[in-house]
Structure formats: C-alpha cells, structure tokens
Amino acid sequence: MYDLIREKLDGKKVVLLGFGREGQASYSLIRKVLPEIHLAISDRNESLKENALLTSDPNVELLLGKSYLNRLSQFDVIIKTPGITLKDMDYPVPGESITSQTDLFLQVYFRQIVGVTGTKGKSTTSALLYHILKKAGRHALLLGNIGRPAFDLVDEIRPETVIVFEMSSHQLEYIKVAPHIAILLNLYQEHLDAYRSFLDYQLSKMNILKFQDSLDFFIFNADDDLILQRIAEKNAQSNFLPFSFNGSFPDGCFISDDKIIFSRNSKQEDVLDLNKKRKLKGNHNLGNIMSVICACKILGIETVIIQEGIAGFTGLEHRMEYVGLVEGIKFYNDSIATIPEACIEAVKALDQVDTLILGGFDRGIEYSVLARFLSTSSTRNFIFTGDAGQRIRAEFENIKRPDQQLFSINLFDEFLDIAFHCTKPGAICLLSPAAASYNEFQNFEMRGKRYKELVLGKSDQKQEKKN
C-alpha cells in the first residue's frame, strides 16, 4: 500500500475531498508515507480551521466553507470520501483525477477482498461472513462502510488475510478495480438525493461487477429484476453464483424443501435446515445467509463451521434489535430501515407488530407499495414523524382499515406516550421508519440510540417507582 501511495501521489497536487472518518484515515496514511507532500483539505465544515492536527501541519492548505468544491479542477489527484456528492457541481472535474480510499485499497488488495454491497443487508451480511471466517480460524478483517476505514487497518493485513469489505454505492462510484469475490444483495430506491437519477445509483453499485475478470466470482440475487437487467447490459467475465428463493442453479444457492442448498458444477449439498431455530429473523435474512454460504464455499469453509456460525450469529444493533419488555410491550429497534422494502420485511418477520413508527427525512422515495402493504397488515397503530412520515400518511389515509389509527408527531421523542397508550400488552412496538433520519438525527444509529434511551428510560422510571 505504501508503494502505491508514493507512486500515485508523490510530486502531484493532491486534495482530500472530505475530512470525516475516512478522510482522516487517508490523511494519516499519506502522512506516514509522504510526510512533506503538500496536501489540500476540501470540506464544507469551517470548524476544521481549528483542528489542531491540521493547523500544526505546515504542508496543509484548507479549502473550507460553502465554496469548498470550487477549486477541484486545479488538482491532479482528488481523493473523495463517500459522504460528498459531485452531482450538483457547476463545472466538470476530469473523472480520471478522482479516486478514493476504496479505489486505492482495491488496487493493492483486490485478490484478498470479499466486497459486499446492496441497498439493504450489506452490514448484516458482512458481519455474518466475518463471524464465520473467525470461527473457522481464518485471519480476517471487517472494514469499509460498516465503520472502519480501510486505511486504518493496512498494517494488520497479511498475505493470507481475508478482507470483508462492506461497500456503499458512494465507495464504488470511482473504483477501477473490483474485489475478487463480489456480493450484490439487492437494488432498491435509496440515496436519491445524492445521484442525478436512480439509474446512476444502480450503475455505481454495478461497478462491483464491471471490473471483475475470469478469475473472480460474482454472487448476486437472481430474484431481483433490476440486478438481472443491469447484468444483461454488461459483458461480464466473472464466475456467476446466483442465489434465489424461486429457482435452482448448477452453481449457486437456493431453497428447496425447507433447506438451503448449495450447488457447484451441479453437485448439490444441503447446508442449512430452515426448520431449525436461528437468531437472524426474516426472509430477507435468508437471502443474506445464502450469499454468505456462497462466499464461504468459494473460500473453502467447511459446512459444519458455516452451520455453527449461522446458528450463533445474533445480528447487529439497529436491525430488528430487541430493546426490551416494558409494561408488557415488546419494543424493537429497526432504525436501519430507511426504505419501504426494509420496513415491510421487518413487519413480516415480527408478526405481532401492533404499533409502527414511520417517517423522517424525505428523499422522494415512492411509498405507495408500503401503504398498500400496511393496509393489509395486522398492525393497528401508526405514528408518523417528519416530512416523509406525512407523505406516507397521505398515501395511507384513504386505504387504511377502520380499526387502524394514525398519529402525527412533530418531534421524534413524542412517540413514547402514544406507543404506551395504544399498544396491546404482549404485542410489539416497532421503529422501522422507511425513511432517512436527517430531519432530526445525524444518522440512523443516533435515531436508534435515542429510541432505546427513551424506551429503557421509561423502564427505569417504572423500576424507581416500585423501589
């Protein structure tokens, strides 16, 4: 990695576009390799001019504030972080000058990487695969969009390391090399505020296949029509391993007679009995599990290890996470559900949902399918927040059943009293918003943590009164 940094950056005009977690990791690695190179930091955040690390560096130039994008064309190399979009720029920046931490990392380690992407499920899939690899005694690293910048872990990589890299559409946007094993779980409407069109978002995701060759593997959801459409447009060279609920393949994973079957060269093996209890709930997680089975088989993991790993995996925070039983009501946190499809799957998986909290920041996603689904569900109480919540309510208002109650709140915290008043004892109150959090929270994690604080705070208050 150090050699590539020298080759790509030494003697060049370099700007780090964005100085969040990933930008800081890029800065640290570059400074370790090229301590004297002149670096520009371009970011909307003007408070960076008070950053002690940057102000003590004589070879740093700060381009901050609203006009932070205006000088990009002056640089030979732009290392862009995922959180910044260039879709609204008034002037073009040469594409060949734009790279990213993901792109540079892939150029060095692509043969060791399992890249995981998809609109939903990529964190759970990445974490499950990592969990099984560790159980198998493999040296593995989990990094990327899941919260650990790739450059932070460069010194931990060995020749035998398996790198599980969760990849967002933003991280895939400017890559020129693909991971050796690529997983694409699904394509839904998401991040429409960051792309010129839904198609542009899909094409960013498809870069994970675009740059593969005949030695690589592409694991994908064969039930997703958008994925199939995008694949048909490409002259792909990699080895395909589809997974499906509906069909069987000579190579890939599918469900038959309540079992997950893995097939390679038409030789089939029963891998998982679906009648046995597992901690990952919901049909959508069966898709995640099938993709992981495919990756594990490519990597030579024994079936019994895969089975034990799946059985013992408890899932991740903010993903249909059980919060607790308070006043007879079961509370679940699914703050990660920022699109309608994720909300639908959560309601299906938790089949006792009596109260559902919906809404947040409105990114223009289509909600008619969600409204129709909710009108036929057993859920009785709906709490709407934010602009997205009001739009979901407008879709739902005229098709709801007479026994379904709708509540609108101005602030997220106001859900609590309604939930305790309306939810039946023994039933579930679920936060599964089908919308982003940015109207009140920095991210879905902060929204989920606030939900848990309020619910568990209510529990603590009840306990204090008893004492």
Protein backbone atom coordinates (compact mmCIF):
# COMPACT_ATOMS: atom_id res chain seq x y z
CA MET A 1 0.00 0.00 0.00
CA TYR A 2 2.81 2.38 0.88
CA ASP A 3 4.44 1.88 -2.54
CA LEU A 4 1.16 2.68 -4.31
CA ILE A 5 0.71 5.88 -2.29
CA ARG A 6 4.19 7.02 -3.32
CA GLU A 7 3.58 6.11 -6.95
CA LYS A 8 0.19 7.81 -7.18
CA LEU A 9 0.75 10.93 -5.07
CA ASP A 10 4.40 11.91 -4.92
CA GLY A 11 5.00 15.08 -6.92
CA LYS A 12 1.27 15.59 -7.56
CA LYS A 13 -1.19 18.26 -6.47
CA VAL A 14 -3.41 16.28 -4.08
CA VAL A 15 -6.67 17.22 -2.36
CA LEU A 16 -8.57 15.20 0.24
CA LEU A 17 -12.22 15.89 -0.51
CA GLY A 18 -13.93 15.46 2.84
CA PHE A 19 -12.32 15.16 6.26
CA GLY A 20 -14.62 12.86 8.18
CA ARG A 21 -13.58 9.46 9.49
CA GLU A 22 -12.35 8.18 6.10
CA GLY A 23 -10.67 11.45 5.14
CA GLN A 24 -8.77 11.44 8.42
CA ALA A 25 -7.62 7.85 7.79
CA SER A 26 -6.39 8.88 4.33
CA TYR A 27 -4.53 11.84 5.79
CA SER A 28 -2.83 9.65 8.42
CA LEU A 29 -1.63 7.05 5.91
CA ILE A 30 -0.41 9.65 3.40
CA ARG A 31 1.48 11.49 6.12
CA LYS A 32 3.11 8.22 7.22
CA VAL A 33 4.38 7.64 3.68
CA LEU A 34 4.87 11.20 2.39
CA PRO A 35 5.31 13.49 5.42
CA GLU A 36 6.38 16.51 3.34
CA ILE A 37 3.91 16.39 0.45
CA HIS A 38 1.62 19.40 0.08
CA LEU A 39 -1.98 18.39 0.82
CA ALA A 40 -5.18 20.37 0.41
CA ILE A 41 -8.21 19.56 2.59
CA SER A 42 -11.54 20.47 0.98
CA ASP A 43 -14.60 20.32 3.24
CA ARG A 44 -17.78 22.28 3.94
CA ASN A 45 -17.00 22.18 7.67
CA GLU A 46 -15.37 25.53 8.51
CA SER A 47 -14.55 24.44 12.05
CA LEU A 48 -11.65 22.39 10.63
CA LYS A 49 -9.61 25.60 10.70
CA GLU A 50 -9.43 24.99 14.47
CA ASN A 51 -8.33 21.35 14.06
CA ALA A 52 -5.00 21.06 15.94
CA LEU A 53 -3.72 18.26 13.70
CA LEU A 54 -4.19 20.32 10.55
CA THR A 55 -3.11 23.70 11.90
CA SER A 56 0.18 22.18 13.11
CA ASP A 57 0.94 20.78 9.65
CA PRO A 58 2.85 23.38 7.59
CA ASN A 59 2.14 21.49 4.36
CA VAL A 60 -1.65 21.61 4.56
CA GLU A 61 -3.93 24.03 2.73
CA LEU A 62 -7.55 24.32 3.89
CA LEU A 63 -10.39 24.91 1.43
CA LEU A 64 -13.43 25.25 3.68
CA GLY A 65 -16.99 26.54 3.66
CA LYS A 66 -19.71 26.75 1.03
CA SER A 67 -17.26 27.18 -1.86
CA TYR A 68 -15.16 24.14 -0.91
CA LEU A 69 -15.75 22.46 -4.31
CA ASN A 70 -14.75 25.43 -6.43
CA ARG A 71 -11.03 24.65 -6.88
CA LEU A 72 -11.10 20.92 -7.52
CA SER A 73 -10.08 21.29 -11.17
CA GLN A 74 -6.69 22.64 -10.02
CA PHE A 75 -5.63 19.28 -8.56
CA ASP A 76 -4.02 16.25 -10.19
CA VAL A 77 -5.50 13.78 -7.68
CA ILE A 78 -8.81 14.13 -5.83
CA ILE A 79 -9.27 11.54 -3.07
CA LYS A 80 -13.02 11.72 -2.50
CA THR A 81 -14.75 10.47 0.65
CA PRO A 82 -18.12 8.69 0.33
CA GLY A 83 -20.19 11.37 2.06
CA ILE A 84 -19.69 14.03 -0.62
CA THR A 85 -21.66 14.13 -3.86
CA LEU A 86 -20.47 15.91 -7.00
CA LYS A 87 -23.83 15.73 -8.81
CA ASP A 88 -24.65 19.42 -8.39
CA MET A 89 -21.26 20.86 -9.36
CA ASP A 90 -21.46 23.78 -11.80
CA TYR A 91 -18.35 22.72 -13.72
CA PRO A 92 -16.95 19.29 -14.62
CA VAL A 93 -14.00 17.67 -12.88
CA PRO A 94 -11.96 15.23 -15.02
CA GLY A 95 -13.04 11.73 -13.99
CA GLU A 96 -9.51 10.37 -14.27
CA SER A 97 -8.36 12.72 -11.49
CA ILE A 98 -10.92 11.37 -8.99
CA THR A 99 -10.06 8.38 -6.84
CA SER A 100 -11.00 7.24 -3.36
CA GLN A 101 -9.66 5.28 -0.43
CA THR A 102 -11.67 2.28 -1.66
CA ASP A 103 -10.20 2.53 -5.17
CA LEU A 104 -6.61 2.77 -3.91
CA PHE A 105 -7.12 -0.05 -1.42
CA LEU A 106 -8.61 -2.31 -4.08
CA GLN A 107 -5.68 -1.72 -6.40
CA VAL A 108 -3.39 -3.38 -3.84
CA TYR A 109 -5.54 -5.98 -2.08
CA PHE A 110 -8.33 -6.87 -4.53
CA ARG A 111 -7.41 -10.59 -4.64
CA GLN A 112 -7.95 -10.84 -0.87
CA ILE A 113 -11.25 -8.95 -0.74
CA VAL A 114 -14.84 -10.10 -0.45
CA GLY A 115 -16.82 -6.97 -1.34
CA VAL A 116 -20.40 -6.78 -0.10
CA THR A 117 -22.92 -4.28 -1.43
CA GLY A 118 -26.66 -3.85 -1.90
CA THR A 119 -29.23 -1.32 -0.83
CA LYS A 120 -30.08 -3.26 2.31
CA GLY A 121 -28.48 -6.14 4.21
CA LYS A 122 -24.83 -5.45 3.48
CA SER A 123 -23.80 -4.79 7.11
CA THR A 124 -25.51 -7.95 8.38
CA THR A 125 -24.07 -9.99 5.50
CA SER A 126 -20.56 -8.62 6.03
CA ALA A 127 -20.68 -9.21 9.79
CA LEU A 128 -22.05 -12.75 9.37
CA LEU A 129 -19.32 -13.67 6.88
CA TYR A 130 -16.64 -12.23 9.16
CA HIS A 131 -18.13 -14.14 12.12
CA ILE A 132 -17.92 -17.44 10.23
CA LEU A 133 -14.39 -16.77 9.00
CA LYS A 134 -13.20 -16.12 12.54
CA LYS A 135 -14.95 -19.27 13.73
CA ALA A 136 -13.10 -21.18 11.01
CA GLY A 137 -9.79 -19.89 12.35
CA ARG A 138 -9.08 -17.68 9.33
CA HIS A 139 -7.27 -14.38 9.70
CA ALA A 140 -9.94 -11.91 8.63
CA LEU A 141 -10.63 -8.17 8.78
CA LEU A 142 -14.00 -6.41 8.61
CA LEU A 143 -13.88 -2.88 7.27
CA GLY A 144 -15.43 -0.28 4.97
CA ASN A 145 -18.91 1.17 5.20
CA ILE A 146 -19.52 -0.76 8.42
CA GLY A 147 -17.47 1.91 10.15
CA ARG A 148 -13.77 1.03 9.92
CA PRO A 149 -11.84 2.90 7.21
CA ALA A 150 -9.73 0.56 5.10
CA PHE A 151 -6.54 2.61 5.52
CA ASP A 152 -6.73 2.27 9.32
CA LEU A 153 -6.09 -1.48 9.03
CA VAL A 154 -3.36 -1.63 6.39
CA ASP A 155 -0.69 -2.69 8.90
CA GLU A 156 -2.81 -5.68 10.03
CA ILE A 157 -3.05 -7.28 6.57
CA ARG A 158 -1.09 -10.47 5.92
CA PRO A 159 -0.84 -12.43 2.67
CA GLU A 160 -3.42 -14.94 3.97
CA THR A 161 -5.88 -12.34 5.32
CA VAL A 162 -9.46 -12.44 4.04
CA ILE A 163 -10.74 -8.85 3.90
CA VAL A 164 -14.51 -8.46 4.23
CA PHE A 165 -15.25 -5.01 2.79
CA GLU A 166 -18.75 -3.55 3.10
CA MET A 167 -19.12 -1.21 0.12
CA SER A 168 -21.65 1.58 -0.30
CA SER A 169 -22.64 2.95 -3.70
CA HIS A 170 -20.53 6.05 -2.92
CA GLN A 171 -17.45 3.93 -2.27
CA LEU A 172 -17.97 2.01 -5.52
CA GLU A 173 -18.58 5.09 -7.65
CA TYR A 174 -14.99 5.79 -8.73
CA ILE A 175 -13.32 2.38 -8.49
CA LYS A 176 -11.23 0.99 -11.34
CA VAL A 177 -10.61 -2.47 -9.81
CA ALA A 178 -13.20 -4.88 -8.36
CA PRO A 179 -12.97 -7.29 -5.42
CA HIS A 180 -12.11 -10.93 -6.13
CA ILE A 181 -15.42 -12.06 -4.61
CA ALA A 182 -18.32 -9.62 -5.02
CA ILE A 183 -21.76 -9.90 -3.40
CA LEU A 184 -24.73 -7.84 -4.65
CA LEU A 185 -27.78 -8.36 -2.44
CA ASN A 186 -30.47 -6.11 -3.95
CA LEU A 187 -31.23 -2.80 -5.68
CA TYR A 188 -33.93 -0.52 -4.26
CA GLN A 189 -34.61 3.22 -4.37
CA GLU A 190 -32.14 4.83 -1.97
CA HIS A 191 -29.82 7.86 -1.78
CA LEU A 192 -31.83 9.62 -4.48
CA ASP A 193 -30.67 12.93 -3.00
CA ALA A 194 -27.05 12.04 -3.85
CA TYR A 195 -27.49 10.96 -7.50
CA ARG A 196 -28.88 12.54 -10.64
CA SER A 197 -31.14 9.51 -11.12
CA PHE A 198 -31.99 6.08 -9.69
CA LEU A 199 -30.15 4.60 -12.69
CA ASP A 200 -26.93 6.40 -11.71
CA TYR A 201 -27.23 4.86 -8.24
CA GLN A 202 -27.66 1.38 -9.75
CA LEU A 203 -24.68 1.83 -12.06
CA SER A 204 -22.48 2.79 -9.11
CA LYS A 205 -23.45 -0.47 -7.41
CA MET A 206 -22.74 -2.44 -10.61
CA ASN A 207 -19.11 -1.30 -10.62
CA ILE A 208 -18.54 -4.19 -8.23
CA LEU A 209 -19.07 -6.48 -11.26
CA LYS A 210 -17.86 -4.20 -14.05
CA PHE A 211 -14.16 -4.54 -13.29
CA GLN A 212 -14.05 -8.27 -12.48
CA ASP A 213 -12.28 -10.80 -14.68
CA SER A 214 -12.49 -14.55 -15.33
CA LEU A 215 -10.69 -15.38 -12.06
CA ASP A 216 -13.30 -13.55 -9.96
CA PHE A 217 -16.68 -14.51 -8.50
CA PHE A 218 -19.96 -12.60 -8.58
CA ILE A 219 -22.63 -13.64 -6.04
CA PHE A 220 -25.99 -11.99 -6.71
CA ASN A 221 -29.71 -12.06 -6.01
CA ALA A 222 -31.31 -13.78 -9.00
CA ASP A 223 -34.79 -12.75 -7.79
CA ASP A 224 -34.02 -9.04 -8.23
CA ASP A 225 -35.17 -7.92 -11.68
CA LEU A 226 -33.09 -4.74 -11.60
CA ILE A 227 -29.92 -6.71 -10.95
CA LEU A 228 -30.74 -9.07 -13.82
CA GLN A 229 -31.39 -6.11 -16.10
CA ARG A 230 -28.09 -4.45 -15.23
CA ILE A 231 -26.17 -7.75 -15.67
CA ALA A 232 -27.68 -8.24 -19.14
CA GLU A 233 -26.18 -4.91 -20.20
CA LYS A 234 -22.63 -5.94 -19.34
CA ASN A 235 -20.17 -8.29 -20.97
CA ALA A 236 -19.23 -9.80 -17.63
CA GLN A 237 -16.20 -12.10 -17.41
CA SER A 238 -16.53 -13.35 -13.85
CA ASN A 239 -17.92 -16.61 -12.48
CA PHE A 240 -21.59 -16.21 -11.53
CA LEU A 241 -23.08 -17.72 -8.35
CA PRO A 242 -26.71 -16.60 -8.06
CA PHE A 243 -28.91 -17.16 -5.02
CA SER A 244 -32.69 -17.42 -5.14
CA PHE A 245 -35.89 -18.27 -3.28
CA ASN A 246 -37.54 -19.36 -6.52
CA GLY A 247 -35.15 -21.33 -8.73
CA SER A 248 -32.27 -23.80 -8.73
CA PHE A 249 -28.88 -23.48 -10.40
CA PRO A 250 -25.90 -25.69 -11.29
CA ASP A 251 -23.78 -23.09 -9.46
CA GLY A 252 -25.22 -21.09 -6.59
CA CYS A 253 -27.61 -21.25 -3.65
CA PHE A 254 -31.36 -21.84 -3.48
CA ILE A 255 -34.13 -23.07 -1.20
CA SER A 256 -35.82 -26.45 -1.65
CA ASP A 257 -37.92 -28.48 0.82
CA ASP A 258 -37.16 -26.04 3.69
CA LYS A 259 -33.43 -26.39 3.15
CA ILE A 260 -30.78 -24.07 1.74
CA ILE A 261 -28.93 -25.97 -0.98
CA PHE A 262 -25.52 -25.04 -2.33
CA SER A 263 -24.66 -26.32 -5.80
CA ARG A 264 -21.33 -26.29 -7.63
CA ASN A 265 -20.94 -27.92 -11.02
CA SER A 266 -24.45 -29.36 -10.46
CA LYS A 267 -23.28 -31.20 -7.33
CA GLN A 268 -25.78 -30.28 -4.60
CA GLU A 269 -25.29 -30.16 -0.83
CA ASP A 270 -27.81 -29.46 1.95
CA VAL A 271 -26.26 -26.68 4.01
CA LEU A 272 -28.97 -25.34 6.31
CA ASP A 273 -32.23 -26.79 7.64
CA LEU A 274 -34.68 -23.88 7.85
CA ASN A 275 -36.87 -25.69 10.37
CA LYS A 276 -34.12 -25.32 12.96
CA LYS A 277 -34.18 -22.21 15.13
CA ARG A 278 -31.92 -19.34 14.12
CA LYS A 279 -31.32 -15.89 15.59
CA LEU A 280 -31.49 -13.97 12.30
CA LYS A 281 -35.21 -13.41 11.72
CA GLY A 282 -36.98 -12.68 8.44
CA ASN A 283 -36.97 -13.97 4.87
CA HIS A 284 -34.70 -11.13 3.77
CA ASN A 285 -32.01 -12.55 6.05
CA LEU A 286 -32.30 -15.88 4.23
CA GLY A 287 -31.04 -14.06 1.15
CA ASN A 288 -28.15 -12.65 3.18
CA ILE A 289 -27.40 -16.13 4.51
CA MET A 290 -27.41 -17.69 1.03
CA SER A 291 -24.93 -15.10 -0.23
CA VAL A 292 -22.63 -15.81 2.73
CA ILE A 293 -22.84 -19.55 2.11
CA CYS A 294 -21.70 -18.99 -1.49
CA ALA A 295 -18.75 -16.88 -0.34
CA CYS A 296 -17.77 -19.37 2.35
CA LYS A 297 -17.82 -22.25 -0.12
CA ILE A 298 -15.55 -20.33 -2.52
CA LEU A 299 -13.20 -19.71 0.41
CA GLY A 300 -13.18 -23.40 1.38
CA ILE A 301 -15.00 -23.14 4.72
CA GLU A 302 -16.39 -26.47 5.97
CA THR A 303 -20.17 -26.87 6.04
CA VAL A 304 -20.32 -27.64 9.76
CA ILE A 305 -18.48 -24.38 10.52
CA ILE A 306 -20.92 -22.46 8.31
CA GLN A 307 -23.88 -24.05 10.13
CA GLU A 308 -22.47 -23.29 13.57
CA GLY A 309 -21.62 -19.73 12.54
CA ILE A 310 -25.13 -19.00 11.28
CA ALA A 311 -26.72 -20.56 14.37
CA GLY A 312 -24.62 -18.45 16.73
CA PHE A 313 -24.83 -15.10 14.95
CA THR A 314 -27.02 -12.65 16.89
CA GLY A 315 -27.32 -9.84 14.35
CA LEU A 316 -26.35 -6.16 14.59
CA GLU A 317 -27.56 -3.14 16.51
CA HIS A 318 -30.49 -1.20 14.97
CA ARG A 319 -31.53 -4.16 12.80
CA MET A 320 -34.72 -5.68 14.22
CA GLU A 321 -32.96 -5.36 17.57
CA TYR A 322 -34.93 -6.41 20.63
CA VAL A 323 -34.82 -3.49 23.08
CA GLY A 324 -36.83 -4.91 25.97
CA LEU A 325 -40.20 -5.67 27.56
CA VAL A 326 -41.67 -2.57 29.22
CA GLU A 327 -45.17 -2.56 30.73
CA GLY A 328 -45.93 -5.75 28.83
CA ILE A 329 -44.97 -4.25 25.45
CA LYS A 330 -42.09 -5.68 23.38
CA PHE A 331 -40.01 -2.90 21.81
CA TYR A 332 -37.88 -3.45 18.69
CA ASN A 333 -35.41 -1.06 17.07
CA ASP A 334 -35.07 -1.29 13.28
CA SER A 335 -33.74 2.22 12.67
CA ILE A 336 -31.62 0.90 9.76
CA ALA A 337 -34.85 0.54 7.75
CA THR A 338 -34.52 3.68 5.64
CA ILE A 339 -36.50 2.35 2.65
CA PRO A 340 -40.03 0.86 2.34
CA GLU A 341 -38.82 -2.63 1.46
CA ALA A 342 -36.86 -2.91 4.72
CA CYS A 343 -39.88 -1.81 6.76
CA ILE A 344 -42.10 -4.37 5.01
CA GLU A 345 -39.65 -7.19 5.77
CA ALA A 346 -39.42 -6.18 9.43
CA VAL A 347 -43.21 -6.17 9.86
CA LYS A 348 -43.39 -9.59 8.18
CA ALA A 349 -40.61 -11.02 10.33
CA LEU A 350 -42.03 -9.68 13.62
CA ASP A 351 -45.57 -10.87 13.17
CA GLN A 352 -47.01 -9.25 16.32
CA VAL A 353 -46.39 -5.61 15.42
CA ASP A 354 -49.23 -3.55 16.89
CA THR A 355 -47.62 -0.11 16.73
CA LEU A 356 -45.28 1.10 13.96
CA ILE A 357 -43.22 4.31 13.95
CA LEU A 358 -42.62 5.68 10.44
CA GLY A 359 -41.02 8.65 8.72
CA GLY A 360 -38.16 11.10 8.95
CA PHE A 361 -36.26 12.95 6.24
CA ASP A 362 -37.99 12.91 2.84
CA ARG A 363 -35.75 11.91 -0.10
CA GLY A 364 -38.57 11.45 -2.61
CA ILE A 365 -38.83 7.66 -2.33
CA GLU A 366 -42.05 6.02 -3.62
CA TYR A 367 -44.31 4.91 -0.72
CA SER A 368 -47.46 3.57 -2.42
CA VAL A 369 -46.39 -0.11 -2.15
CA LEU A 370 -45.64 0.34 1.55
CA ALA A 371 -49.03 1.97 2.16
CA ARG A 372 -50.87 -0.88 0.44
CA PHE A 373 -48.93 -3.46 2.44
CA LEU A 374 -49.65 -1.74 5.75
CA SER A 375 -53.36 -1.54 4.97
CA THR A 376 -53.47 -5.35 4.83
CA SER A 377 -51.21 -5.94 7.84
CA SER A 378 -52.36 -6.73 11.37
CA THR A 379 -50.71 -3.53 12.67
CA ARG A 380 -53.29 -1.18 14.21
CA ASN A 381 -51.38 1.94 15.28
CA PHE A 382 -49.15 4.11 13.09
CA ILE A 383 -47.06 7.03 14.34
CA PHE A 384 -45.75 9.38 11.63
CA THR A 385 -42.84 11.82 12.02
CA GLY A 386 -41.06 14.24 9.69
CA ASP A 387 -41.89 15.16 6.09
CA ALA A 388 -41.53 11.56 4.95
CA GLY A 389 -43.96 10.47 7.64
CA GLN A 390 -46.57 12.92 6.44
CA ARG A 391 -46.18 11.71 2.87
CA ILE A 392 -46.54 8.07 3.98
CA ARG A 393 -49.65 9.09 5.94
CA ALA A 394 -51.11 10.81 2.87
CA GLU A 395 -50.61 7.60 0.84
CA PHE A 396 -52.14 5.51 3.63
CA GLU A 397 -55.04 7.70 4.77
CA ASN A 398 -57.60 6.69 2.17
CA ILE A 399 -56.87 2.95 2.13
CA LYS A 400 -56.48 2.16 5.82
CA ARG A 401 -58.92 -0.12 7.63
CA PRO A 402 -61.41 1.35 10.13
CA ASP A 403 -59.54 -0.27 13.05
CA GLN A 404 -56.20 1.33 12.11
CA GLN A 405 -55.28 4.53 13.98
CA LEU A 406 -52.97 7.24 12.59
CA PHE A 407 -50.99 9.67 14.76
CA SER A 408 -48.73 12.51 13.59
CA ILE A 409 -45.99 13.92 15.82
CA ASN A 410 -43.79 16.98 15.42
CA LEU A 411 -40.74 15.57 17.17
CA PHE A 412 -39.45 12.00 17.31
CA ASP A 413 -39.48 11.86 21.13
CA GLU A 414 -43.26 12.29 21.15
CA PHE A 415 -43.81 8.69 20.01
CA LEU A 416 -43.38 7.27 23.50
CA ASP A 417 -46.63 8.29 25.19
CA ILE A 418 -48.67 7.23 22.16
CA ALA A 419 -46.93 3.87 22.00
CA PHE A 420 -47.60 3.08 25.65
CA HIS A 421 -51.20 4.25 25.42
CA CYS A 422 -52.14 2.33 22.25
CA THR A 423 -50.04 -0.83 22.05
CA LYS A 424 -51.67 -4.04 23.29
CA PRO A 425 -49.88 -5.88 26.12
CA GLY A 426 -47.84 -8.74 24.72
CA ALA A 427 -47.58 -7.07 21.30
CA ILE A 428 -44.72 -5.21 19.59
CA CYS A 429 -43.94 -1.54 19.13
CA LEU A 430 -41.52 -1.30 16.21
CA LEU A 431 -39.37 1.56 14.99
CA SER A 432 -38.92 0.81 11.28
CA PRO A 433 -39.12 4.24 9.68
CA ALA A 434 -38.78 3.59 5.91
CA ALA A 435 -37.00 6.94 5.76
CA ALA A 436 -33.67 8.58 6.50
CA SER A 437 -33.06 10.26 9.85
CA TYR A 438 -31.56 13.57 8.78
CA ASN A 439 -34.52 15.76 9.77
CA GLU A 440 -33.65 15.27 13.48
CA PHE A 441 -30.60 13.00 13.66
CA GLN A 442 -27.17 12.83 12.08
CA ASN A 443 -27.67 9.18 11.11
CA PHE A 444 -29.84 6.12 11.69
CA GLU A 445 -27.59 4.98 14.56
CA MET A 446 -28.33 8.13 16.56
CA ARG A 447 -32.05 7.71 15.90
CA GLY A 448 -31.93 4.10 17.09
CA LYS A 449 -29.96 5.01 20.21
CA ARG A 450 -32.48 7.73 21.06
CA TYR A 451 -35.33 5.27 20.65
CA LYS A 452 -33.65 2.85 23.05
CA GLU A 453 -32.84 5.62 25.54
CA LEU A 454 -36.48 6.70 25.69
CA VAL A 455 -37.88 3.17 25.97
CA LEU A 456 -35.36 1.99 28.56
CA GLY A 457 -35.61 5.30 30.40
CA LYS A 458 -39.33 4.66 30.80
CA SER A 459 -38.47 1.21 32.14
CA ASP A 460 -36.03 2.73 34.65
CA GLN A 461 -38.68 5.20 35.81
CA LYS A 462 -41.12 2.36 36.46
CA GLN A 463 -38.48 0.47 38.43
CA GLU A 464 -37.71 3.53 40.57
CA LYS A 465 -41.39 3.93 41.43
CA LYS A 466 -41.54 0.26 42.53
CA ASN A 467 -38.49 0.75 44.74
